[in-house]
Amino acid sequence: MNSEQPLHSTQFTPNNPLPQEGLMPDSIATFEPEIIREMDMHIAKFPVKRSALIPLMFIVQRERGGYLDPPGVAFLADKLGIRITDVWEVATFYSMINTEPVGKYHIQVCRTLSCKILGAGAITEHCTKRLGIKPGGTTEDGRFSLSEVECLGSCGTAPMLQIGFDYHENLTIEKLDGILDSLP
């Protein structure tokens, strides 16, 4: 079970005395010992601690309900000895890091050129109609979120989307319906 510990400073994390340029959260997330060991395994793979930021973001996101919240960001900054703004800069750059809560199934439709030319707009429109949400939205039951994202690196199999970490390529409306129908 995760809890949070209060910060004793409004400017600094305990292991990083550098001034923070961003809004400081009220607390730092805490994690169970096995999660800390998992993080330490990733840190040990790199000659520079901060290089483990992205793998650790995935762990924090997984453990904090599917997104990177401010206490989780403060934890990462403290653990890696970097500024909170450094964590946010990376988190907001990558579409696979969620900085807001998302549904159980996060549907990310690629909207870059190859996908756009080959029908991504129709895929997004069909998701919008079928789920009753626009890109950036989440269904009332919290089951689905819909996003349009930049290139997912599958241009040769466009149009495509990603649900969680699973790629679905060469999409048609019929294939999309089958994918959505198959989700538990």
Protein backbone atom coordinates (compact mmCIF):
# COMPACT_ATOMS: atom_id res chain seq x y z
CA MET A 1 0.00 0.00 0.00
CA ASN A 2 1.31 3.43 -0.92
CA SER A 3 1.22 6.36 1.43
CA GLU A 4 2.79 9.75 1.32
CA GLN A 5 5.16 11.56 3.62
CA PRO A 6 4.97 15.35 4.03
CA LEU A 7 7.74 17.51 2.65
CA HIS A 8 9.57 19.61 5.19
CA SER A 9 10.51 22.28 2.67
CA THR A 10 8.47 24.11 0.09
CA GLN A 11 11.48 24.43 -2.25
CA PHE A 12 13.69 21.36 -2.04
CA THR A 13 13.53 17.59 -1.98
CA PRO A 14 15.53 15.96 0.82
CA ASN A 15 18.28 14.58 -1.44
CA ASN A 16 18.48 17.55 -3.77
CA PRO A 17 19.23 20.99 -2.33
CA LEU A 18 18.89 22.72 -5.70
CA PRO A 19 16.05 25.25 -5.98
CA GLN A 20 12.94 23.92 -7.63
CA GLU A 21 11.48 26.06 -10.40
CA GLY A 22 8.07 24.36 -10.47
CA LEU A 23 5.22 24.01 -8.05
CA MET A 24 6.29 21.76 -5.20
CA PRO A 25 3.83 19.05 -4.18
CA ASP A 26 2.71 18.82 -0.57
CA SER A 27 4.18 15.34 -0.11
CA ILE A 28 6.47 12.69 -1.54
CA ALA A 29 5.05 9.30 -2.48
CA THR A 30 6.31 6.23 -0.63
CA PHE A 31 6.48 2.67 -1.93
CA GLU A 32 6.70 -0.85 -0.57
CA PRO A 33 10.23 -2.31 -0.21
CA GLU A 34 9.79 -4.68 -3.19
CA ILE A 35 8.95 -1.71 -5.43
CA ILE A 36 12.02 0.16 -4.19
CA ARG A 37 14.12 -2.94 -4.97
CA GLU A 38 12.65 -3.02 -8.49
CA MET A 39 13.59 0.64 -8.93
CA ASP A 40 17.09 0.05 -7.57
CA MET A 41 17.56 -2.76 -10.11
CA HIS A 42 16.88 -0.28 -12.90
CA ILE A 43 19.13 2.38 -11.42
CA ALA A 44 21.98 -0.17 -11.20
CA LYS A 45 21.84 -0.66 -14.99
CA PHE A 46 23.01 2.88 -15.70
CA PRO A 47 26.30 4.67 -15.01
CA VAL A 48 24.36 7.86 -14.18
CA LYS A 49 21.32 7.58 -11.87
CA ARG A 50 19.18 10.07 -13.77
CA SER A 51 19.36 7.78 -16.82
CA ALA A 52 16.90 5.47 -15.05
CA LEU A 53 14.22 8.17 -15.07
CA ILE A 54 11.96 6.68 -17.77
CA PRO A 55 11.91 3.11 -16.40
CA LEU A 56 11.21 4.52 -12.94
CA MET A 57 8.42 6.71 -14.35
CA PHE A 58 6.72 3.57 -15.65
CA ILE A 59 6.95 1.94 -12.22
CA VAL A 60 5.62 5.01 -10.40
CA GLN A 61 2.83 5.36 -12.97
CA ARG A 62 1.89 1.69 -12.52
CA GLU A 63 1.91 1.94 -8.72
CA ARG A 64 0.10 5.29 -8.48
CA GLY A 65 -3.06 4.42 -10.37
CA GLY A 66 -1.96 4.69 -13.99
CA TYR A 67 -0.51 8.17 -14.04
CA LEU A 68 2.40 10.20 -12.72
CA ASP A 69 1.04 12.41 -9.95
CA PRO A 70 2.89 15.26 -8.15
CA PRO A 71 3.88 13.14 -5.09
CA GLY A 72 5.23 10.50 -7.50
CA VAL A 73 7.20 13.15 -9.36
CA ALA A 74 8.64 14.42 -6.06
CA PHE A 75 9.67 10.87 -5.18
CA LEU A 76 11.48 10.46 -8.51
CA ALA A 77 13.29 13.78 -8.14
CA ASP A 78 14.39 12.82 -4.64
CA LYS A 79 15.37 9.26 -5.57
CA LEU A 80 17.45 10.35 -8.57
CA GLY A 81 18.81 13.60 -7.11
CA ILE A 82 17.33 15.77 -9.86
CA ARG A 83 14.97 18.74 -9.98
CA ILE A 84 11.23 18.25 -10.05
CA THR A 85 11.14 20.30 -13.23
CA ASP A 86 13.55 17.80 -14.83
CA VAL A 87 11.04 15.03 -14.14
CA TRP A 88 8.11 17.04 -15.51
CA GLU A 89 10.07 17.95 -18.66
CA VAL A 90 10.51 14.28 -19.51
CA ALA A 91 7.03 13.25 -18.38
CA THR A 92 5.30 15.82 -20.56
CA PHE A 93 7.41 14.98 -23.62
CA TYR A 94 6.44 11.31 -23.93
CA SER A 95 2.86 10.23 -24.69
CA MET A 96 3.35 6.95 -22.82
CA ILE A 97 3.72 8.82 -19.54
CA ASN A 98 0.33 9.95 -18.28
CA THR A 99 0.25 13.12 -16.21
CA GLU A 100 -3.50 12.93 -15.66
CA PRO A 101 -5.70 9.97 -14.70
CA VAL A 102 -6.67 7.75 -17.64
CA GLY A 103 -9.15 4.95 -18.13
CA LYS A 104 -8.41 1.26 -17.72
CA TYR A 105 -7.93 1.11 -21.50
CA HIS A 106 -6.03 4.11 -22.82
CA ILE A 107 -6.57 4.22 -26.57
CA GLN A 108 -3.89 6.28 -28.28
CA VAL A 109 -4.52 6.87 -31.99
CA CYS A 110 -1.49 7.86 -34.05
CA ARG A 111 -2.22 11.05 -35.97
CA THR A 112 1.07 11.52 -37.80
CA LEU A 113 1.32 11.70 -41.60
CA SER A 114 1.26 8.02 -42.61
CA CYS A 115 -1.60 7.22 -40.27
CA LYS A 116 -3.45 10.42 -41.20
CA ILE A 117 -3.22 9.68 -44.93
CA LEU A 118 -4.36 6.08 -44.42
CA GLY A 119 -7.39 6.81 -42.23
CA ALA A 120 -6.51 7.72 -38.65
CA GLY A 121 -9.19 10.42 -38.72
CA ALA A 122 -11.89 7.82 -39.40
CA ILE A 123 -10.50 5.62 -36.61
CA THR A 124 -10.60 8.50 -34.13
CA GLU A 125 -14.08 9.52 -35.28
CA HIS A 126 -15.36 5.95 -34.85
CA CYS A 127 -13.87 5.74 -31.33
CA THR A 128 -15.46 9.08 -30.50
CA LYS A 129 -18.91 7.94 -31.64
CA ARG A 130 -18.71 4.45 -30.18
CA LEU A 131 -17.34 5.48 -26.78
CA GLY A 132 -19.12 8.83 -26.50
CA ILE A 133 -15.92 10.75 -25.71
CA LYS A 134 -13.67 13.11 -27.60
CA PRO A 135 -9.87 12.88 -27.67
CA GLY A 136 -8.62 13.83 -24.23
CA GLY A 137 -11.72 12.38 -22.58
CA THR A 138 -12.51 9.38 -20.42
CA THR A 139 -15.78 7.44 -20.33
CA GLU A 140 -17.94 8.00 -17.27
CA ASP A 141 -17.28 4.46 -16.05
CA GLY A 142 -13.50 5.04 -16.27
CA ARG A 143 -13.08 2.16 -18.70
CA PHE A 144 -11.75 4.04 -21.75
CA SER A 145 -9.66 7.12 -22.41
CA LEU A 146 -9.04 8.38 -25.93
CA SER A 147 -5.98 10.36 -27.05
CA GLU A 148 -4.45 11.39 -30.33
CA VAL A 149 -0.66 11.08 -30.22
CA GLU A 150 2.32 11.76 -32.41
CA CYS A 151 4.16 9.02 -34.27
CA LEU A 152 4.16 5.62 -32.61
CA GLY A 153 6.76 4.34 -35.07
CA SER A 154 4.58 1.97 -37.05
CA CYS A 155 4.27 3.95 -40.29
CA GLY A 156 4.42 0.86 -42.50
CA THR A 157 1.30 -0.58 -40.86
CA ALA A 158 -0.83 2.57 -40.71
CA PRO A 159 -3.36 3.42 -39.50
CA MET A 160 -2.64 2.17 -36.02
CA LEU A 161 -3.35 2.73 -32.37
CA GLN A 162 -1.96 1.64 -29.06
CA ILE A 163 -3.97 0.38 -26.10
CA GLY A 164 -1.74 0.22 -23.04
CA PHE A 165 1.47 -1.22 -24.48
CA ASP A 166 -0.23 -3.22 -27.27
CA TYR A 167 -0.05 -2.06 -30.88
CA HIS A 168 -3.00 -2.62 -33.23
CA GLU A 169 -2.03 -2.04 -36.84
CA ASN A 170 -3.52 -1.98 -40.36
CA LEU A 171 -6.77 -0.84 -38.78
CA THR A 172 -10.20 -0.80 -40.34
CA ILE A 173 -13.42 0.14 -38.57
CA GLU A 174 -14.35 -3.55 -38.46
CA LYS A 175 -10.98 -4.53 -36.98
CA LEU A 176 -11.28 -1.71 -34.42
CA ASP A 177 -14.74 -2.93 -33.36
CA GLY A 178 -13.33 -6.43 -32.88
CA ILE A 179 -10.51 -5.09 -30.71
CA LEU A 180 -12.87 -3.03 -28.54
CA ASP A 181 -15.34 -5.90 -28.26
CA SER A 182 -12.58 -8.26 -27.09
CA LEU A 183 -11.53 -6.11 -24.12
CA PRO A 184 -12.73 -7.59 -20.81
